[in-house]
Amino acid sequence: MASNWRITVTLPEQFKQFLEQWAQNEHRSVSNLAASILINAAQEKISISEATLENKKSKSQTIKKSNSKPKSTKSANPKPIT
């Protein structure tokens, strides 16, 4: 069974009432709401990072292909025309 990681977060007082109301509207604790917000933000960041990495790989492969020398269609020993 996976264990959970606990952290302590200190926020400015101005967010207290907003977060309490938000949590109440979703029938959850402020702690659970905060965990949900952090998990969603981390998952979004991971998705963006993976997409950026894939985009960089794709661009790198395109650059490698365009920098490679094209193969000559002429044969090394052309036959004379008779």
C-alpha atoms as a PDB file:
ATOM      1  CA  MET A   1       0.000   0.000   0.000  1.00  0.00           C
ATOM      2  CA  ALA A   2       1.385   3.418  -0.977  1.00  0.00           C
ATOM      3  CA  SER A   3       1.993   5.849   1.814  1.00  0.00           C
ATOM      4  CA  ASN A   4       1.018   9.505   1.631  1.00  0.00           C
ATOM      5  CA  TRP A   5       3.450  12.368   1.961  1.00  0.00           C
ATOM      6  CA  ARG A   6       2.551  15.121   4.419  1.00  0.00           C
ATOM      7  CA  ILE A   7       3.536  18.742   3.984  1.00  0.00           C
ATOM      8  CA  THR A   8       2.758  21.939   5.820  1.00  0.00           C
ATOM      9  CA  VAL A   9       1.769  24.996   3.821  1.00  0.00           C
ATOM     10  CA  THR A  10       1.492  28.547   5.104  1.00  0.00           C
ATOM     11  CA  LEU A  11      -0.771  30.870   3.138  1.00  0.00           C
ATOM     12  CA  PRO A  12      -1.661  34.541   3.536  1.00  0.00           C
ATOM     13  CA  GLU A  13      -4.741  35.121   5.710  1.00  0.00           C
ATOM     14  CA  GLN A  14      -6.611  36.629   2.750  1.00  0.00           C
ATOM     15  CA  PHE A  15      -7.136  33.135   1.255  1.00  0.00           C
ATOM     16  CA  LYS A  16      -8.563  31.527   4.388  1.00  0.00           C
ATOM     17  CA  GLN A  17     -12.233  32.391   3.932  1.00  0.00           C
ATOM     18  CA  PHE A  18     -12.143  31.719   0.179  1.00  0.00           C
ATOM     19  CA  LEU A  19     -10.593  28.250   0.601  1.00  0.00           C
ATOM     20  CA  GLU A  20     -12.917  27.351   3.485  1.00  0.00           C
ATOM     21  CA  GLN A  21     -15.954  28.267   1.380  1.00  0.00           C
ATOM     22  CA  TRP A  22     -14.611  26.398  -1.645  1.00  0.00           C
ATOM     23  CA  ALA A  23     -13.993  23.293   0.445  1.00  0.00           C
ATOM     24  CA  GLN A  24     -17.440  23.521   2.013  1.00  0.00           C
ATOM     25  CA  ASN A  25     -19.067  23.843  -1.428  1.00  0.00           C
ATOM     26  CA  GLU A  26     -17.327  20.622  -2.489  1.00  0.00           C
ATOM     27  CA  HIS A  27     -18.098  18.832   0.808  1.00  0.00           C
ATOM     28  CA  ARG A  28     -14.450  18.284   1.661  1.00  0.00           C
ATOM     29  CA  SER A  29     -11.904  19.551   4.148  1.00  0.00           C
ATOM     30  CA  VAL A  30      -9.573  22.437   3.323  1.00  0.00           C
ATOM     31  CA  SER A  31      -6.680  19.999   3.608  1.00  0.00           C
ATOM     32  CA  ASN A  32      -8.262  17.625   1.098  1.00  0.00           C
ATOM     33  CA  LEU A  33      -9.065  20.533  -1.229  1.00  0.00           C
ATOM     34  CA  ALA A  34      -5.462  21.751  -1.033  1.00  0.00           C
ATOM     35  CA  ALA A  35      -4.174  18.249  -1.783  1.00  0.00           C
ATOM     36  CA  SER A  36      -6.501  18.025  -4.780  1.00  0.00           C
ATOM     37  CA  ILE A  37      -5.363  21.414  -6.095  1.00  0.00           C
ATOM     38  CA  LEU A  38      -1.695  20.467  -5.753  1.00  0.00           C
ATOM     39  CA  ILE A  39      -2.177  17.067  -7.397  1.00  0.00           C
ATOM     40  CA  ASN A  40      -4.066  18.603 -10.339  1.00  0.00           C
ATOM     41  CA  ALA A  41      -1.419  21.319 -10.783  1.00  0.00           C
ATOM     42  CA  ALA A  42       1.408  18.751 -10.649  1.00  0.00           C
ATOM     43  CA  GLN A  43      -0.332  16.481 -13.173  1.00  0.00           C
ATOM     44  CA  GLU A  44      -0.847  19.418 -15.530  1.00  0.00           C
ATOM     45  CA  LYS A  45       2.806  20.451 -15.174  1.00  0.00           C
ATOM     46  CA  ILE A  46       3.927  16.871 -15.865  1.00  0.00           C
ATOM     47  CA  SER A  47       1.722  16.714 -18.980  1.00  0.00           C
ATOM     48  CA  ILE A  48       3.099  20.025 -20.249  1.00  0.00           C
ATOM     49  CA  SER A  49       6.672  18.896 -19.560  1.00  0.00           C
ATOM     50  CA  GLU A  50       6.123  15.593 -21.385  1.00  0.00           C
ATOM     51  CA  ALA A  51       4.538  17.357 -24.355  1.00  0.00           C
ATOM     52  CA  THR A  52       7.437  19.832 -24.478  1.00  0.00           C
ATOM     53  CA  LEU A  53       9.945  16.981 -24.340  1.00  0.00           C
ATOM     54  CA  GLU A  54       8.147  15.124 -27.150  1.00  0.00           C
ATOM     55  CA  ASN A  55       8.052  18.327 -29.202  1.00  0.00           C
ATOM     56  CA  LYS A  56      11.798  18.839 -28.707  1.00  0.00           C
ATOM     57  CA  LYS A  57      12.501  15.219 -29.702  1.00  0.00           C
ATOM     58  CA  SER A  58      10.365  15.614 -32.814  1.00  0.00           C
ATOM     59  CA  LYS A  59      12.122  18.839 -33.816  1.00  0.00           C
ATOM     60  CA  SER A  60      15.514  17.251 -33.168  1.00  0.00           C
ATOM     61  CA  GLN A  61      14.670  14.304 -35.409  1.00  0.00           C
ATOM     62  CA  THR A  62      13.422  16.660 -38.133  1.00  0.00           C
ATOM     63  CA  ILE A  63      16.653  18.668 -37.955  1.00  0.00           C
ATOM     64  CA  LYS A  64      18.762  15.493 -38.109  1.00  0.00           C
ATOM     65  CA  LYS A  65      16.841  14.318 -41.180  1.00  0.00           C
ATOM     66  CA  SER A  66      17.213  17.668 -42.954  1.00  0.00           C
ATOM     67  CA  ASN A  67      20.951  17.813 -42.167  1.00  0.00           C
ATOM     68  CA  SER A  68      21.679  14.361 -43.535  1.00  0.00           C
ATOM     69  CA  LYS A  69      23.171  14.245 -47.023  1.00  0.00           C
ATOM     70  CA  PRO A  70      20.720  13.074 -49.661  1.00  0.00           C
ATOM     71  CA  LYS A  71      21.691   9.865 -51.427  1.00  0.00           C
ATOM     72  CA  SER A  72      22.846  10.354 -54.976  1.00  0.00           C
ATOM     73  CA  THR A  73      20.687   8.774 -57.638  1.00  0.00           C
ATOM     74  CA  LYS A  74      23.688   8.454 -59.974  1.00  0.00           C
ATOM     75  CA  SER A  75      25.529   5.175 -59.959  1.00  0.00           C
ATOM     76  CA  ALA A  76      29.234   5.135 -59.123  1.00  0.00           C
ATOM     77  CA  ASN A  77      30.158   3.719 -62.564  1.00  0.00           C
ATOM     78  CA  PRO A  78      27.759   5.116 -65.152  1.00  0.00           C
ATOM     79  CA  LYS A  79      27.384   3.076 -68.325  1.00  0.00           C
ATOM     80  CA  PRO A  80      28.301   4.896 -71.499  1.00  0.00           C
ATOM     81  CA  ILE A  81      25.473   5.676 -73.867  1.00  0.00           C
ATOM     82  CA  THR A  82      25.874   3.715 -77.092  1.00  0.00           C
END
